[in-house]
Amino acid sequence: DWARRYKLMRVHTALHLLSVILPYPVTGGQISDGTGRLDFDIPEAT
């Protein structure tokens, strides 16, 4: 199912870039169809 897979690929690469702009240890993550998340171990900050 290429339409679904390609979205997952785009999200996955975007999450790698997210870990670049937030250079903190990653405690978890998930990729979905068009969305994704990373959990970071970040000291108290806004």
All heavy atoms as atom14 arrays in JSON, in Angstrom:
{
  "sequence": "DWARRYKLMRVHTALHLLSVILPYPVTGGQISDGTGRLDFDIPEAT",
  "atom14_mask": [
    [1, 1, 1, 1, 1, 1, 1, 1, 0, 0, 0, 0, 0, 0],
    [1, 1, 1, 1, 1, 1, 1, 1, 1, 1, 1, 1, 1, 1],
    [1, 1, 1, 1, 1, 0, 0, 0, 0, 0, 0, 0, 0, 0],
    [1, 1, 1, 1, 1, 1, 1, 1, 1, 1, 1, 0, 0, 0],
    [1, 1, 1, 1, 1, 1, 1, 1, 1, 1, 1, 0, 0, 0],
    [1, 1, 1, 1, 1, 1, 1, 1, 1, 1, 1, 1, 0, 0],
    [1, 1, 1, 1, 1, 1, 1, 1, 1, 0, 0, 0, 0, 0],
    [1, 1, 1, 1, 1, 1, 1, 1, 0, 0, 0, 0, 0, 0],
    [1, 1, 1, 1, 1, 1, 1, 1, 0, 0, 0, 0, 0, 0],
    [1, 1, 1, 1, 1, 1, 1, 1, 1, 1, 1, 0, 0, 0],
    [1, 1, 1, 1, 1, 1, 1, 0, 0, 0, 0, 0, 0, 0],
    [1, 1, 1, 1, 1, 1, 1, 1, 1, 1, 0, 0, 0, 0],
    [1, 1, 1, 1, 1, 1, 1, 0, 0, 0, 0, 0, 0, 0],
    [1, 1, 1, 1, 1, 0, 0, 0, 0, 0, 0, 0, 0, 0],
    [1, 1, 1, 1, 1, 1, 1, 1, 0, 0, 0, 0, 0, 0],
    [1, 1, 1, 1, 1, 1, 1, 1, 1, 1, 0, 0, 0, 0],
    [1, 1, 1, 1, 1, 1, 1, 1, 0, 0, 0, 0, 0, 0],
    [1, 1, 1, 1, 1, 1, 1, 1, 0, 0, 0, 0, 0, 0],
    [1, 1, 1, 1, 1, 1, 0, 0, 0, 0, 0, 0, 0, 0],
    [1, 1, 1, 1, 1, 1, 1, 0, 0, 0, 0, 0, 0, 0],
    [1, 1, 1, 1, 1, 1, 1, 1, 0, 0, 0, 0, 0, 0],
    [1, 1, 1, 1, 1, 1, 1, 1, 0, 0, 0, 0, 0, 0],
    [1, 1, 1, 1, 1, 1, 1, 0, 0, 0, 0, 0, 0, 0],
    [1, 1, 1, 1, 1, 1, 1, 1, 1, 1, 1, 1, 0, 0],
    [1, 1, 1, 1, 1, 1, 1, 0, 0, 0, 0, 0, 0, 0],
    [1, 1, 1, 1, 1, 1, 1, 0, 0, 0, 0, 0, 0, 0],
    [1, 1, 1, 1, 1, 1, 1, 0, 0, 0, 0, 0, 0, 0],
    [1, 1, 1, 1, 0, 0, 0, 0, 0, 0, 0, 0, 0, 0],
    [1, 1, 1, 1, 0, 0, 0, 0, 0, 0, 0, 0, 0, 0],
    [1, 1, 1, 1, 1, 1, 1, 1, 1, 0, 0, 0, 0, 0],
    [1, 1, 1, 1, 1, 1, 1, 1, 0, 0, 0, 0, 0, 0],
    [1, 1, 1, 1, 1, 1, 0, 0, 0, 0, 0, 0, 0, 0],
    [1, 1, 1, 1, 1, 1, 1, 1, 0, 0, 0, 0, 0, 0],
    [1, 1, 1, 1, 0, 0, 0, 0, 0, 0, 0, 0, 0, 0],
    [1, 1, 1, 1, 1, 1, 1, 0, 0, 0, 0, 0, 0, 0],
    [1, 1, 1, 1, 0, 0, 0, 0, 0, 0, 0, 0, 0, 0],
    [1, 1, 1, 1, 1, 1, 1, 1, 1, 1, 1, 0, 0, 0],
    [1, 1, 1, 1, 1, 1, 1, 1, 0, 0, 0, 0, 0, 0],
    [1, 1, 1, 1, 1, 1, 1, 1, 0, 0, 0, 0, 0, 0],
    [1, 1, 1, 1, 1, 1, 1, 1, 1, 1, 1, 0, 0, 0],
    [1, 1, 1, 1, 1, 1, 1, 1, 0, 0, 0, 0, 0, 0],
    [1, 1, 1, 1, 1, 1, 1, 1, 0, 0, 0, 0, 0, 0],
    [1, 1, 1, 1, 1, 1, 1, 0, 0, 0, 0, 0, 0, 0],
    [1, 1, 1, 1, 1, 1, 1, 1, 1, 0, 0, 0, 0, 0],
    [1, 1, 1, 1, 1, 0, 0, 0, 0, 0, 0, 0, 0, 0],
    [1, 1, 1, 1, 1, 1, 1, 0, 0, 0, 0, 0, 0, 0]
  ],
  "atom14_positions": [
    [[0.88, -1.18, 0.0], [0.0, 0.0, 0.0], [0.91, 1.22, 0.0], [1.33, 1.71, 1.05], [-0.9, -0.03, 1.24], [-1.87, 1.15, 1.3], [-1.64, 2.16, 0.59], [-2.84, 1.08, 2.07], [0.0, 0.0, 0.0], [0.0, 0.0, 0.0], [0.0, 0.0, 0.0], [0.0, 0.0, 0.0], [0.0, 0.0, 0.0], [0.0, 0.0, 0.0]],
    [[1.21, 1.73, -1.2], [2.25, 2.73, -1.34], [1.85, 4.08, -0.74], [2.68, 4.78, -0.14], [2.63, 2.91, -2.81], [3.65, 3.97, -3.0], [3.49, 5.19, -3.63], [5.0, 3.97, -2.53], [4.65, 5.9, -3.58], [5.61, 5.18, -2.91], [5.77, 3.04, -1.82], [6.92, 5.51, -2.61], [7.09, 3.36, -1.52], [7.65, 4.57, -1.92]],
    [[0.6, 4.49, -0.88], [0.18, 5.79, -0.34], [0.42, 5.83, 1.17], [0.93, 6.83, 1.7], [-1.29, 6.05, -0.65], [0.0, 0.0, 0.0], [0.0, 0.0, 0.0], [0.0, 0.0, 0.0], [0.0, 0.0, 0.0], [0.0, 0.0, 0.0], [0.0, 0.0, 0.0], [0.0, 0.0, 0.0], [0.0, 0.0, 0.0], [0.0, 0.0, 0.0]],
    [[0.08, 4.75, 1.86], [0.3, 4.68, 3.31], [1.78, 4.62, 3.63], [2.27, 5.34, 4.49], [-0.43, 3.46, 3.86], [-0.2, 3.2, 5.36], [-1.03, 2.0, 5.8], [-0.84, 1.69, 7.21], [0.09, 0.87, 7.7], [0.96, 0.29, 6.86], [0.19, 0.63, 8.98], [0.0, 0.0, 0.0], [0.0, 0.0, 0.0], [0.0, 0.0, 0.0]],
    [[2.51, 3.74, 2.93], [3.94, 3.58, 3.2], [4.7, 4.89, 3.0], [5.57, 5.26, 3.79], [4.51, 2.5, 2.29], [6.03, 2.61, 2.06], [6.86, 2.24, 3.26], [7.1, 0.82, 3.2], [7.97, 0.25, 2.35], [8.67, 1.0, 1.51], [8.13, -1.04, 2.35], [0.0, 0.0, 0.0], [0.0, 0.0, 0.0], [0.0, 0.0, 0.0]],
    [[4.38, 5.6, 1.91], [5.13, 6.82, 1.61], [4.93, 7.88, 2.7], [5.86, 8.59, 3.06], [4.72, 7.36, 0.25], [5.6, 8.48, -0.26], [6.98, 8.32, -0.34], [5.05, 9.7, -0.67], [7.8, 9.33, -0.81], [5.86, 10.71, -1.14], [7.24, 10.53, -1.21], [8.04, 11.55, -1.67], [0.0, 0.0, 0.0], [0.0, 0.0, 0.0]],
    [[3.71, 7.96, 3.24], [3.48, 8.88, 4.36], [4.31, 8.47, 5.57], [4.88, 9.32, 6.27], [2.0, 8.93, 4.72], [1.17, 9.84, 3.84], [-0.23, 9.99, 4.4], [-1.04, 10.95, 3.56], [-2.4, 11.14, 4.13], [0.0, 0.0, 0.0], [0.0, 0.0, 0.0], [0.0, 0.0, 0.0], [0.0, 0.0, 0.0], [0.0, 0.0, 0.0]],
    [[4.39, 7.17, 5.83], [5.19, 6.7, 6.96], [6.66, 7.05, 6.75], [7.36, 7.43, 7.7], [5.02, 5.19, 7.13], [3.62, 4.68, 7.5], [3.59, 3.15, 7.51], [3.18, 5.23, 8.85], [0.0, 0.0, 0.0], [0.0, 0.0, 0.0], [0.0, 0.0, 0.0], [0.0, 0.0, 0.0], [0.0, 0.0, 0.0], [0.0, 0.0, 0.0]],
    [[7.15, 6.92, 5.53], [8.53, 7.27, 5.22], [8.79, 8.75, 5.47], [9.81, 9.14, 6.03], [8.85, 6.9, 3.77], [8.94, 5.41, 3.51], [8.88, 4.96, 1.74], [10.24, 5.88, 1.06], [0.0, 0.0, 0.0], [0.0, 0.0, 0.0], [0.0, 0.0, 0.0], [0.0, 0.0, 0.0], [0.0, 0.0, 0.0], [0.0, 0.0, 0.0]],
    [[7.86, 9.58, 5.03], [8.02, 11.03, 5.21], [8.02, 11.4, 6.69], [8.85, 12.21, 7.13], [6.89, 11.76, 4.47], [6.98, 11.64, 2.95], [5.66, 12.03, 2.29], [5.31, 13.42, 2.6], [4.06, 13.89, 2.53], [3.07, 13.09, 2.19], [3.82, 15.16, 2.82], [0.0, 0.0, 0.0], [0.0, 0.0, 0.0], [0.0, 0.0, 0.0]],
    [[7.1, 10.81, 7.45], [7.04, 11.08, 8.89], [8.32, 10.61, 9.57], [8.89, 11.31, 10.43], [5.81, 10.43, 9.52], [5.87, 10.51, 11.04], [4.53, 11.09, 9.02], [0.0, 0.0, 0.0], [0.0, 0.0, 0.0], [0.0, 0.0, 0.0], [0.0, 0.0, 0.0], [0.0, 0.0, 0.0], [0.0, 0.0, 0.0], [0.0, 0.0, 0.0]],
    [[8.79, 9.41, 9.2], [9.98, 8.85, 9.85], [11.19, 9.76, 9.65], [11.93, 10.06, 10.6], [10.25, 7.45, 9.31], [11.1, 6.63, 10.23], [11.13, 5.25, 10.19], [11.97, 6.98, 11.21], [11.96, 4.81, 11.12], [12.49, 5.84, 11.74], [0.0, 0.0, 0.0], [0.0, 0.0, 0.0], [0.0, 0.0, 0.0], [0.0, 0.0, 0.0]],
    [[11.39, 10.22, 8.43], [12.53, 11.11, 8.17], [12.36, 12.43, 8.9], [13.33, 12.99, 9.43], [12.68, 11.35, 6.66], [12.77, 10.08, 5.98], [13.94, 12.15, 6.36], [0.0, 0.0, 0.0], [0.0, 0.0, 0.0], [0.0, 0.0, 0.0], [0.0, 0.0, 0.0], [0.0, 0.0, 0.0], [0.0, 0.0, 0.0], [0.0, 0.0, 0.0]],
    [[11.12, 12.93, 8.97], [10.87, 14.18, 9.69], [11.19, 14.03, 11.18], [11.7, 14.96, 11.81], [9.41, 14.6, 9.51], [0.0, 0.0, 0.0], [0.0, 0.0, 0.0], [0.0, 0.0, 0.0], [0.0, 0.0, 0.0], [0.0, 0.0, 0.0], [0.0, 0.0, 0.0], [0.0, 0.0, 0.0], [0.0, 0.0, 0.0], [0.0, 0.0, 0.0]],
    [[10.92, 12.85, 11.75], [11.23, 12.64, 13.16], [12.74, 12.62, 13.39], [13.21, 13.07, 14.44], [10.6, 11.33, 13.64], [9.08, 11.36, 13.8], [8.56, 9.98, 14.22], [8.63, 12.41, 14.81], [0.0, 0.0, 0.0], [0.0, 0.0, 0.0], [0.0, 0.0, 0.0], [0.0, 0.0, 0.0], [0.0, 0.0, 0.0], [0.0, 0.0, 0.0]],
    [[13.5, 12.11, 12.44], [14.96, 12.18, 12.57], [15.41, 13.64, 12.6], [16.31, 14.01, 13.37], [15.63, 11.44, 11.41], [15.72, 9.96, 11.61], [16.87, 9.24, 11.36], [14.83, 9.05, 12.06], [16.68, 7.96, 11.63], [15.42, 7.83, 12.05], [0.0, 0.0, 0.0], [0.0, 0.0, 0.0], [0.0, 0.0, 0.0], [0.0, 0.0, 0.0]],
    [[14.79, 14.47, 11.77], [15.14, 15.89, 11.76], [14.69, 16.57, 13.06], [15.35, 17.49, 13.54], [14.51, 16.58, 10.55], [15.08, 16.18, 9.19], [14.33, 16.87, 8.06], [16.57, 16.49, 9.1], [0.0, 0.0, 0.0], [0.0, 0.0, 0.0], [0.0, 0.0, 0.0], [0.0, 0.0, 0.0], [0.0, 0.0, 0.0], [0.0, 0.0, 0.0]],
    [[13.56, 16.12, 13.6], [13.11, 16.66, 14.88], [14.15, 16.41, 15.97], [14.38, 17.27, 16.83], [11.77, 16.04, 15.27], [11.16, 16.48, 16.6], [10.84, 17.97, 16.58], [9.9, 15.66, 16.91], [0.0, 0.0, 0.0], [0.0, 0.0, 0.0], [0.0, 0.0, 0.0], [0.0, 0.0, 0.0], [0.0, 0.0, 0.0], [0.0, 0.0, 0.0]],
    [[14.8, 15.24, 15.91], [15.83, 14.92, 16.91], [17.08, 15.77, 16.72], [17.93, 15.81, 17.61], [16.18, 13.43, 16.86], [16.98, 13.11, 15.72], [0.0, 0.0, 0.0], [0.0, 0.0, 0.0], [0.0, 0.0, 0.0], [0.0, 0.0, 0.0], [0.0, 0.0, 0.0], [0.0, 0.0, 0.0], [0.0, 0.0, 0.0], [0.0, 0.0, 0.0]],
    [[17.18, 16.42, 15.56], [18.31, 17.33, 15.32], [18.05, 18.67, 15.99], [18.94, 19.23, 16.65], [18.53, 17.52, 13.8], [19.57, 18.61, 13.54], [18.97, 16.2, 13.16], [0.0, 0.0, 0.0], [0.0, 0.0, 0.0], [0.0, 0.0, 0.0], [0.0, 0.0, 0.0], [0.0, 0.0, 0.0], [0.0, 0.0, 0.0], [0.0, 0.0, 0.0]],
    [[16.84, 19.2, 15.85], [16.55, 20.52, 16.44], [16.29, 20.4, 17.94], [16.33, 21.42, 18.64], [15.37, 21.21, 15.72], [14.07, 20.42, 15.89], [15.69, 21.41, 14.25], [12.86, 21.15, 15.34], [0.0, 0.0, 0.0], [0.0, 0.0, 0.0], [0.0, 0.0, 0.0], [0.0, 0.0, 0.0], [0.0, 0.0, 0.0], [0.0, 0.0, 0.0]],
    [[16.02, 19.2, 18.41], [15.9, 18.95, 19.85], [16.92, 17.88, 20.23], [16.62, 16.69, 20.29], [14.48, 18.47, 20.19], [13.38, 19.53, 20.13], [12.01, 18.89, 20.29], [13.6, 20.6, 21.2], [0.0, 0.0, 0.0], [0.0, 0.0, 0.0], [0.0, 0.0, 0.0], [0.0, 0.0, 0.0], [0.0, 0.0, 0.0], [0.0, 0.0, 0.0]],
    [[18.16, 18.28, 20.48], [19.26, 17.31, 20.7], [19.27, 16.76, 22.13], [20.22, 16.97, 22.88], [20.5, 18.16, 20.41], [20.11, 19.54, 20.8], [18.64, 19.67, 20.47], [0.0, 0.0, 0.0], [0.0, 0.0, 0.0], [0.0, 0.0, 0.0], [0.0, 0.0, 0.0], [0.0, 0.0, 0.0], [0.0, 0.0, 0.0], [0.0, 0.0, 0.0]],
    [[18.21, 16.07, 22.49], [18.08, 15.47, 23.81], [17.86, 13.97, 23.67], [17.43, 13.5, 22.61], [16.91, 16.09, 24.57], [16.99, 17.59, 24.72], [16.32, 18.44, 23.84], [17.73, 18.16, 25.75], [16.39, 19.82, 23.99], [17.82, 19.54, 25.91], [17.14, 20.36, 25.02], [17.22, 21.72, 25.16], [0.0, 0.0, 0.0], [0.0, 0.0, 0.0]],
    [[18.12, 13.2, 24.72], [17.86, 11.75, 24.66], [16.39, 11.48, 24.34], [15.49, 12.13, 24.87], [18.24, 11.27, 26.06], [19.2, 12.3, 26.59], [18.75, 13.6, 26.0], [0.0, 0.0, 0.0], [0.0, 0.0, 0.0], [0.0, 0.0, 0.0], [0.0, 0.0, 0.0], [0.0, 0.0, 0.0], [0.0, 0.0, 0.0], [0.0, 0.0, 0.0]],
    [[16.15, 10.51, 23.46], [14.8, 10.14, 23.05], [14.33, 8.96, 23.91], [14.98, 7.91, 23.95], [14.76, 9.76, 21.56], [13.37, 9.28, 21.16], [15.18, 10.95, 20.7], [0.0, 0.0, 0.0], [0.0, 0.0, 0.0], [0.0, 0.0, 0.0], [0.0, 0.0, 0.0], [0.0, 0.0, 0.0], [0.0, 0.0, 0.0], [0.0, 0.0, 0.0]],
    [[13.2, 9.14, 24.58], [12.7, 8.1, 25.47], [11.59, 7.26, 24.85], [11.17, 6.26, 25.43], [12.17, 8.72, 26.78], [11.11, 9.64, 26.46], [13.28, 9.47, 27.51], [0.0, 0.0, 0.0], [0.0, 0.0, 0.0], [0.0, 0.0, 0.0], [0.0, 0.0, 0.0], [0.0, 0.0, 0.0], [0.0, 0.0, 0.0], [0.0, 0.0, 0.0]],
    [[11.1, 7.65, 23.69], [10.06, 6.87, 23.02], [9.66, 7.56, 21.73], [10.02, 8.71, 21.48], [0.0, 0.0, 0.0], [0.0, 0.0, 0.0], [0.0, 0.0, 0.0], [0.0, 0.0, 0.0], [0.0, 0.0, 0.0], [0.0, 0.0, 0.0], [0.0, 0.0, 0.0], [0.0, 0.0, 0.0], [0.0, 0.0, 0.0], [0.0, 0.0, 0.0]],
    [[8.89, 6.85, 20.92], [8.44, 7.43, 19.67], [7.43, 6.55, 18.97], [7.31, 5.36, 19.26], [0.0, 0.0, 0.0], [0.0, 0.0, 0.0], [0.0, 0.0, 0.0], [0.0, 0.0, 0.0], [0.0, 0.0, 0.0], [0.0, 0.0, 0.0], [0.0, 0.0, 0.0], [0.0, 0.0, 0.0], [0.0, 0.0, 0.0], [0.0, 0.0, 0.0]],
    [[6.71, 7.14, 18.04], [5.71, 6.39, 17.28], [5.46, 7.09, 15.95], [5.46, 8.32, 15.88], [4.4, 6.29, 18.07], [3.38, 5.36, 17.45], [2.16, 5.18, 18.34], [1.76, 6.08, 19.07], [1.57, 4.0, 18.3], [0.0, 0.0, 0.0], [0.0, 0.0, 0.0], [0.0, 0.0, 0.0], [0.0, 0.0, 0.0], [0.0, 0.0, 0.0]],
    [[5.25, 6.29, 14.91], [4.99, 6.79, 13.58], [3.6, 6.33, 13.16], [3.24, 5.16, 13.35], [6.03, 6.26, 12.58], [7.43, 6.7, 13.0], [5.73, 6.73, 11.16], [8.54, 5.93, 12.33], [0.0, 0.0, 0.0], [0.0, 0.0, 0.0], [0.0, 0.0, 0.0], [0.0, 0.0, 0.0], [0.0, 0.0, 0.0], [0.0, 0.0, 0.0]],
    [[2.81, 7.26, 12.61], [1.47, 6.94, 12.14], [1.29, 7.5, 10.74], [2.2, 8.11, 10.18], [0.41, 7.5, 13.09], [0.59, 7.02, 14.4], [0.0, 0.0, 0.0], [0.0, 0.0, 0.0], [0.0, 0.0, 0.0], [0.0, 0.0, 0.0], [0.0, 0.0, 0.0], [0.0, 0.0, 0.0], [0.0, 0.0, 0.0], [0.0, 0.0, 0.0]],
    [[0.1, 7.32, 10.2], [-0.21, 7.76, 8.84], [-0.35, 9.27, 8.82], [-1.43, 9.82, 9.09], [-1.51, 7.08, 8.39], [-1.81, 7.34, 6.92], [-1.09, 8.13, 6.29], [-2.76, 6.73, 6.39], [0.0, 0.0, 0.0], [0.0, 0.0, 0.0], [0.0, 0.0, 0.0], [0.0, 0.0, 0.0], [0.0, 0.0, 0.0], [0.0, 0.0, 0.0]],
    [[0.74, 9.97, 8.51], [0.71, 11.42, 8.43], [1.07, 12.15, 9.7], [1.2, 13.37, 9.72], [0.0, 0.0, 0.0], [0.0, 0.0, 0.0], [0.0, 0.0, 0.0], [0.0, 0.0, 0.0], [0.0, 0.0, 0.0], [0.0, 0.0, 0.0], [0.0, 0.0, 0.0], [0.0, 0.0, 0.0], [0.0, 0.0, 0.0], [0.0, 0.0, 0.0]],
    [[1.25, 11.41, 10.8], [1.63, 12.02, 12.07], [2.7, 11.17, 12.74], [2.93, 10.02, 12.37], [0.42, 12.13, 13.02], [0.0, 10.81, 13.42], [-0.75, 12.84, 12.36], [0.0, 0.0, 0.0], [0.0, 0.0, 0.0], [0.0, 0.0, 0.0], [0.0, 0.0, 0.0], [0.0, 0.0, 0.0], [0.0, 0.0, 0.0], [0.0, 0.0, 0.0]],
    [[3.33, 11.75, 13.76], [4.32, 11.0, 14.52], [4.69, 11.77, 15.76], [4.35, 12.95, 15.92], [0.0, 0.0, 0.0], [0.0, 0.0, 0.0], [0.0, 0.0, 0.0], [0.0, 0.0, 0.0], [0.0, 0.0, 0.0], [0.0, 0.0, 0.0], [0.0, 0.0, 0.0], [0.0, 0.0, 0.0], [0.0, 0.0, 0.0], [0.0, 0.0, 0.0]],
    [[5.41, 11.11, 16.66], [5.83, 11.77, 17.89], [7.17, 11.22, 18.35], [7.52, 10.08, 18.06], [4.81, 11.58, 19.0], [4.67, 10.14, 19.47], [3.91, 10.05, 20.78], [3.62, 8.67, 21.16], [4.45, 7.88, 21.83], [5.65, 8.33, 22.16], [4.12, 6.64, 22.15], [0.0, 0.0, 0.0], [0.0, 0.0, 0.0], [0.0, 0.0, 0.0]],
    [[7.88, 12.05, 19.11], [9.05, 11.64, 19.85], [8.91, 12.15, 21.28], [8.41, 13.25, 21.51], [10.34, 12.19, 19.24], [10.85, 11.57, 17.93], [12.14, 12.25, 17.49], [11.06, 10.07, 18.06], [0.0, 0.0, 0.0], [0.0, 0.0, 0.0], [0.0, 0.0, 0.0], [0.0, 0.0, 0.0], [0.0, 0.0, 0.0], [0.0, 0.0, 0.0]],
    [[9.34, 11.34, 22.23], [9.39, 11.75, 23.63], [10.85, 12.05, 23.98], [11.73, 11.24, 23.68], [8.85, 10.64, 24.54], [7.38, 10.34, 24.28], [6.72, 11.15, 23.63], [6.91, 9.28, 24.75], [0.0, 0.0, 0.0], [0.0, 0.0, 0.0], [0.0, 0.0, 0.0], [0.0, 0.0, 0.0], [0.0, 0.0, 0.0], [0.0, 0.0, 0.0]],
    [[11.08, 13.18, 24.61], [12.43, 13.61, 24.93], [12.62, 13.75, 26.44], [11.71, 14.18, 27.15], [12.73, 14.97, 24.28], [12.74, 14.96, 22.78], [11.59, 15.26, 22.07], [13.89, 14.65, 22.08], [11.59, 15.27, 20.68], [13.91, 14.64, 20.69], [12.76, 14.95, 19.99], [0.0, 0.0, 0.0], [0.0, 0.0, 0.0], [0.0, 0.0, 0.0]],
    [[13.81, 13.4, 26.88], [14.21, 13.64, 28.26], [14.82, 15.04, 28.31], [16.01, 15.23, 28.02], [15.22, 12.57, 28.7], [15.63, 12.71, 30.15], [14.93, 13.41, 30.89], [16.68, 12.14, 30.53], [0.0, 0.0, 0.0], [0.0, 0.0, 0.0], [0.0, 0.0, 0.0], [0.0, 0.0, 0.0], [0.0, 0.0, 0.0], [0.0, 0.0, 0.0]],
    [[13.98, 16.03, 28.66], [14.39, 17.44, 28.61], [14.26, 18.04, 30.0], [13.22, 17.91, 30.64], [13.52, 18.24, 27.62], [13.61, 17.63, 26.21], [13.96, 19.7, 27.58], [12.74, 18.34, 25.2], [0.0, 0.0, 0.0], [0.0, 0.0, 0.0], [0.0, 0.0, 0.0], [0.0, 0.0, 0.0], [0.0, 0.0, 0.0], [0.0, 0.0, 0.0]],
    [[15.29, 18.71, 30.49], [15.17, 19.43, 31.77], [14.03, 20.45, 31.69], [13.59, 20.84, 30.61], [16.52, 20.13, 31.92], [17.45, 19.34, 31.05], [16.62, 18.85, 29.9], [0.0, 0.0, 0.0], [0.0, 0.0, 0.0], [0.0, 0.0, 0.0], [0.0, 0.0, 0.0], [0.0, 0.0, 0.0], [0.0, 0.0, 0.0], [0.0, 0.0, 0.0]],
    [[13.54, 20.84, 32.83], [12.42, 21.79, 32.9], [12.68, 22.98, 31.97], [13.65, 23.72, 32.13], [12.26, 22.29, 34.33], [10.97, 23.07, 34.57], [9.74, 22.2, 34.45], [9.77, 21.06, 34.93], [8.75, 22.68, 33.86], [0.0, 0.0, 0.0], [0.0, 0.0, 0.0], [0.0, 0.0, 0.0], [0.0, 0.0, 0.0], [0.0, 0.0, 0.0]],
    [[11.82, 23.13, 30.99], [12.0, 24.2, 30.01], [10.7, 24.4, 29.24], [9.85, 23.51, 29.19], [13.13, 23.86, 29.04], [0.0, 0.0, 0.0], [0.0, 0.0, 0.0], [0.0, 0.0, 0.0], [0.0, 0.0, 0.0], [0.0, 0.0, 0.0], [0.0, 0.0, 0.0], [0.0, 0.0, 0.0], [0.0, 0.0, 0.0], [0.0, 0.0, 0.0]],
    [[10.55, 25.57, 28.65], [9.4, 25.86, 27.81], [9.83, 25.77, 26.35], [10.77, 26.44, 25.93], [8.85, 27.28, 28.09], [8.45, 27.36, 29.46], [7.66, 27.58, 27.2], [0.0, 0.0, 0.0], [0.0, 0.0, 0.0], [0.0, 0.0, 0.0], [0.0, 0.0, 0.0], [0.0, 0.0, 0.0], [0.0, 0.0, 0.0], [0.0, 0.0, 0.0]]
  ]
}
